Amino acid sequence: MAPRMTLVLGGIMLATMAARLLPHPPNFTPIAAVARFGGACVADRRLALLLPLLALFLSDLVLGFIVYGYGLVYSGMAFVYASVALITALGMWQLQRRATAGRIAACALAAASLFFVVTNFGTWLTSGLYPHNASGLLACYLAGLPFFHYTLAGTLGYTTLLFGGLALARRHARTRQLPLSSLPS
């Protein structure tokens, strides 16, 4: 990997961690967008998966030990990490198709919805807040609905920033006749 690309990916990971640590509306974070972006734009699949998971893990360390004091493990943690891995896979699937603005937006909607469905299921299953029956699951999803618009807005906004930034970088590279091989395909 080119040194410039390593710096860009490292910067994206640091910015993702910072966005989770700075004050923000609930679930308005770049994690899902970075997972999709990594899956769609990073050729090394292991690195594509590692980028959002490492940003999530490192920011969870700070949140868990310093900010909230719950330690490393929290209820539903496995579901959060699984949803991020699935969203990265969604980005890899997107990589197989021509990236249009409509497809990128649709994939962002799918990523936010996937995160909502998986993590709320995890909350229902592991938190002890809801009975383990259909009405408890429904109550859990209904309780999560007021937060979904933040998840959707964050995913769409950060997706626009990441994919739009990449499109601008490609355009800039073409106008300056820089080698496009230094940018993700």
Protein backbone atom coordinates (compact mmCIF):
# COMPACT_ATOMS: atom_id res chain seq x y z
CA MET A 1 0.00 0.00 0.00
CA ALA A 2 1.28 3.45 -0.89
CA PRO A 3 2.45 5.56 2.07
CA ARG A 4 -0.05 8.28 1.16
CA MET A 5 -2.93 5.80 1.30
CA THR A 6 -1.71 4.49 4.67
CA LEU A 7 -1.80 8.05 6.00
CA VAL A 8 -5.28 8.62 4.59
CA LEU A 9 -6.66 5.42 6.13
CA GLY A 10 -4.96 6.17 9.45
CA GLY A 11 -6.47 9.65 9.38
CA ILE A 12 -9.92 8.23 8.67
CA MET A 13 -9.55 5.83 11.62
CA LEU A 14 -8.44 8.63 13.97
CA ALA A 15 -11.25 10.91 12.80
CA THR A 16 -13.75 8.08 13.34
CA MET A 17 -12.51 7.57 16.89
CA ALA A 18 -12.63 11.31 17.59
CA ALA A 19 -16.18 11.56 16.24
CA ARG A 20 -17.29 8.87 18.70
CA LEU A 21 -15.52 10.54 21.61
CA LEU A 22 -16.64 14.12 21.00
CA PRO A 23 -20.16 15.14 22.01
CA HIS A 24 -22.68 14.11 19.36
CA PRO A 25 -26.34 13.13 19.05
CA PRO A 26 -26.97 9.46 19.92
CA ASN A 27 -25.74 7.11 17.16
CA PHE A 28 -24.62 10.00 14.92
CA THR A 29 -21.19 8.52 14.23
CA PRO A 30 -19.15 7.63 11.15
CA ILE A 31 -18.67 3.95 12.05
CA ALA A 32 -21.16 2.54 9.51
CA ALA A 33 -19.99 4.91 6.77
CA VAL A 34 -16.33 4.04 7.40
CA ALA A 35 -17.20 0.32 7.38
CA ARG A 36 -18.95 0.70 4.00
CA PHE A 37 -16.22 2.92 2.61
CA GLY A 38 -13.53 0.47 3.70
CA GLY A 39 -15.42 -2.46 2.22
CA ALA A 40 -16.00 -0.65 -1.06
CA CYS A 41 -12.67 1.14 -1.48
CA VAL A 42 -9.90 -0.74 0.33
CA ALA A 43 -8.58 -3.57 -1.82
CA ASP A 44 -7.15 -5.56 1.11
CA ARG A 45 -10.25 -7.14 2.66
CA ARG A 46 -8.56 -7.72 6.01
CA LEU A 47 -7.60 -4.05 6.24
CA ALA A 48 -11.09 -3.02 5.13
CA LEU A 49 -12.54 -5.01 8.03
CA LEU A 50 -9.86 -3.96 10.51
CA LEU A 51 -10.23 -0.21 9.90
CA PRO A 52 -13.74 0.30 11.37
CA LEU A 53 -13.43 -2.46 13.97
CA LEU A 54 -10.18 -1.06 15.34
CA ALA A 55 -11.62 2.47 15.44
CA LEU A 56 -14.66 1.08 17.27
CA PHE A 57 -12.55 -0.94 19.69
CA LEU A 58 -10.11 1.85 20.54
CA SER A 59 -12.90 4.36 21.10
CA ASP A 60 -14.79 1.74 23.15
CA LEU A 61 -11.71 1.45 25.38
CA VAL A 62 -11.80 5.18 26.08
CA LEU A 63 -15.58 5.25 26.52
CA GLY A 64 -15.68 2.10 28.64
CA PHE A 65 -12.84 2.84 31.00
CA ILE A 66 -12.59 6.63 31.12
CA VAL A 67 -15.94 8.16 30.19
CA TYR A 68 -18.62 5.73 31.43
CA GLY A 69 -16.66 3.37 33.67
CA TYR A 70 -18.31 0.13 32.54
CA GLY A 71 -15.03 -1.47 31.48
CA LEU A 72 -14.36 -3.14 28.17
CA VAL A 73 -17.46 -5.29 27.71
CA TYR A 74 -20.99 -3.97 27.49
CA SER A 75 -24.36 -5.55 26.88
CA GLY A 76 -24.87 -6.23 23.19
CA MET A 77 -21.23 -5.50 22.30
CA ALA A 78 -20.94 -8.57 20.07
CA PHE A 79 -23.96 -7.39 18.08
CA VAL A 80 -22.45 -3.95 17.52
CA TYR A 81 -19.19 -5.45 16.23
CA ALA A 82 -21.05 -8.04 14.13
CA SER A 83 -23.16 -5.31 12.53
CA VAL A 84 -20.02 -3.32 11.65
CA ALA A 85 -18.47 -6.44 10.09
CA LEU A 86 -21.68 -7.07 8.11
CA ILE A 87 -21.72 -3.45 6.93
CA THR A 88 -18.12 -3.86 5.74
CA ALA A 89 -19.22 -6.95 3.81
CA LEU A 90 -22.05 -4.85 2.35
CA GLY A 91 -19.41 -2.39 1.14
CA MET A 92 -17.41 -5.26 -0.40
CA TRP A 93 -20.55 -6.40 -2.20
CA GLN A 94 -21.05 -2.83 -3.41
CA LEU A 95 -17.48 -2.92 -4.76
CA GLN A 96 -18.62 -5.52 -7.29
CA ARG A 97 -21.03 -3.03 -8.87
CA ARG A 98 -20.55 0.34 -10.52
CA ALA A 99 -20.69 3.03 -7.82
CA THR A 100 -23.39 5.55 -8.63
CA ALA A 101 -24.75 8.19 -6.25
CA GLY A 102 -28.03 6.29 -6.05
CA ARG A 103 -26.36 2.98 -5.22
CA ILE A 104 -24.12 4.63 -2.63
CA ALA A 105 -27.17 6.27 -0.99
CA ALA A 106 -29.18 3.04 -1.09
CA CYS A 107 -26.28 1.15 0.45
CA ALA A 108 -26.02 3.81 3.19
CA LEU A 109 -29.72 3.33 3.96
CA ALA A 110 -29.19 -0.43 4.05
CA ALA A 111 -26.18 -0.03 6.36
CA ALA A 112 -28.08 2.18 8.83
CA SER A 113 -31.03 -0.22 8.77
CA LEU A 114 -28.77 -3.23 9.28
CA PHE A 115 -27.12 -1.54 12.27
CA PHE A 116 -30.53 -0.71 13.75
CA VAL A 117 -31.94 -4.22 13.30
CA VAL A 118 -28.87 -6.12 14.55
CA THR A 119 -28.00 -3.90 17.54
CA ASN A 120 -31.58 -3.59 18.76
CA PHE A 121 -31.94 -7.36 18.51
CA GLY A 122 -28.79 -7.60 20.62
CA THR A 123 -30.24 -5.17 23.16
CA TRP A 124 -33.42 -7.25 23.37
CA LEU A 125 -31.46 -10.47 23.76
CA THR A 126 -28.77 -9.38 26.23
CA SER A 127 -29.90 -6.36 28.25
CA GLY A 128 -32.63 -7.86 30.40
CA LEU A 129 -34.77 -4.79 29.74
CA TYR A 130 -37.35 -6.61 27.62
CA PRO A 131 -39.14 -9.95 27.95
CA HIS A 132 -37.86 -12.60 25.59
CA ASN A 133 -40.98 -12.89 23.49
CA ALA A 134 -42.38 -11.25 20.36
CA SER A 135 -43.93 -8.33 22.24
CA GLY A 136 -40.63 -7.69 24.04
CA LEU A 137 -38.76 -7.66 20.74
CA LEU A 138 -41.32 -5.30 19.25
CA ALA A 139 -41.06 -3.03 22.31
CA CYS A 140 -37.28 -2.98 21.93
CA TYR A 141 -37.47 -1.96 18.27
CA LEU A 142 -40.09 0.68 19.05
CA ALA A 143 -37.91 2.08 21.84
CA GLY A 144 -35.03 2.32 19.38
CA LEU A 145 -36.99 4.18 16.70
CA PRO A 146 -36.37 7.68 18.13
CA PHE A 147 -32.62 7.06 17.65
CA PHE A 148 -32.82 5.65 14.12
CA HIS A 149 -32.94 9.04 12.41
CA TYR A 150 -29.60 9.89 14.04
CA THR A 151 -28.09 6.64 12.79
CA LEU A 152 -29.47 7.30 9.31
CA ALA A 153 -28.37 10.94 9.24
CA GLY A 154 -24.89 10.09 10.49
CA THR A 155 -24.46 7.25 8.02
CA LEU A 156 -25.72 9.33 5.07
CA GLY A 157 -23.72 12.40 6.08
CA TYR A 158 -20.44 10.61 6.66
CA THR A 159 -20.98 8.47 3.54
CA THR A 160 -21.37 11.67 1.52
CA LEU A 161 -18.20 13.05 3.09
CA LEU A 162 -16.13 9.91 2.44
CA PHE A 163 -17.33 8.99 -1.04
CA GLY A 164 -17.63 12.64 -2.09
CA GLY A 165 -14.11 13.29 -0.83
CA LEU A 166 -12.84 10.33 -2.82
CA ALA A 167 -14.60 11.59 -5.96
CA LEU A 168 -13.04 15.04 -5.49
CA ALA A 169 -9.60 13.50 -4.93
CA ARG A 170 -9.97 11.46 -8.12
CA ARG A 171 -11.05 14.53 -10.07
CA HIS A 172 -8.13 16.51 -8.66
CA ALA A 173 -5.72 13.69 -9.54
CA ARG A 174 -7.03 13.62 -13.13
CA THR A 175 -6.72 17.38 -13.59
CA ARG A 176 -3.19 17.37 -12.21
CA GLN A 177 -2.44 14.15 -14.14
CA LEU A 178 -1.39 12.30 -11.00
CA PRO A 179 -1.29 8.52 -11.05
CA LEU A 180 -4.75 7.23 -10.17
CA SER A 181 -3.13 4.09 -8.79
CA SER A 182 -2.44 6.04 -5.60
CA LEU A 183 -6.22 6.37 -4.99
CA PRO A 184 -8.66 3.56 -4.17
CA SER A 185 -10.46 2.25 -7.25
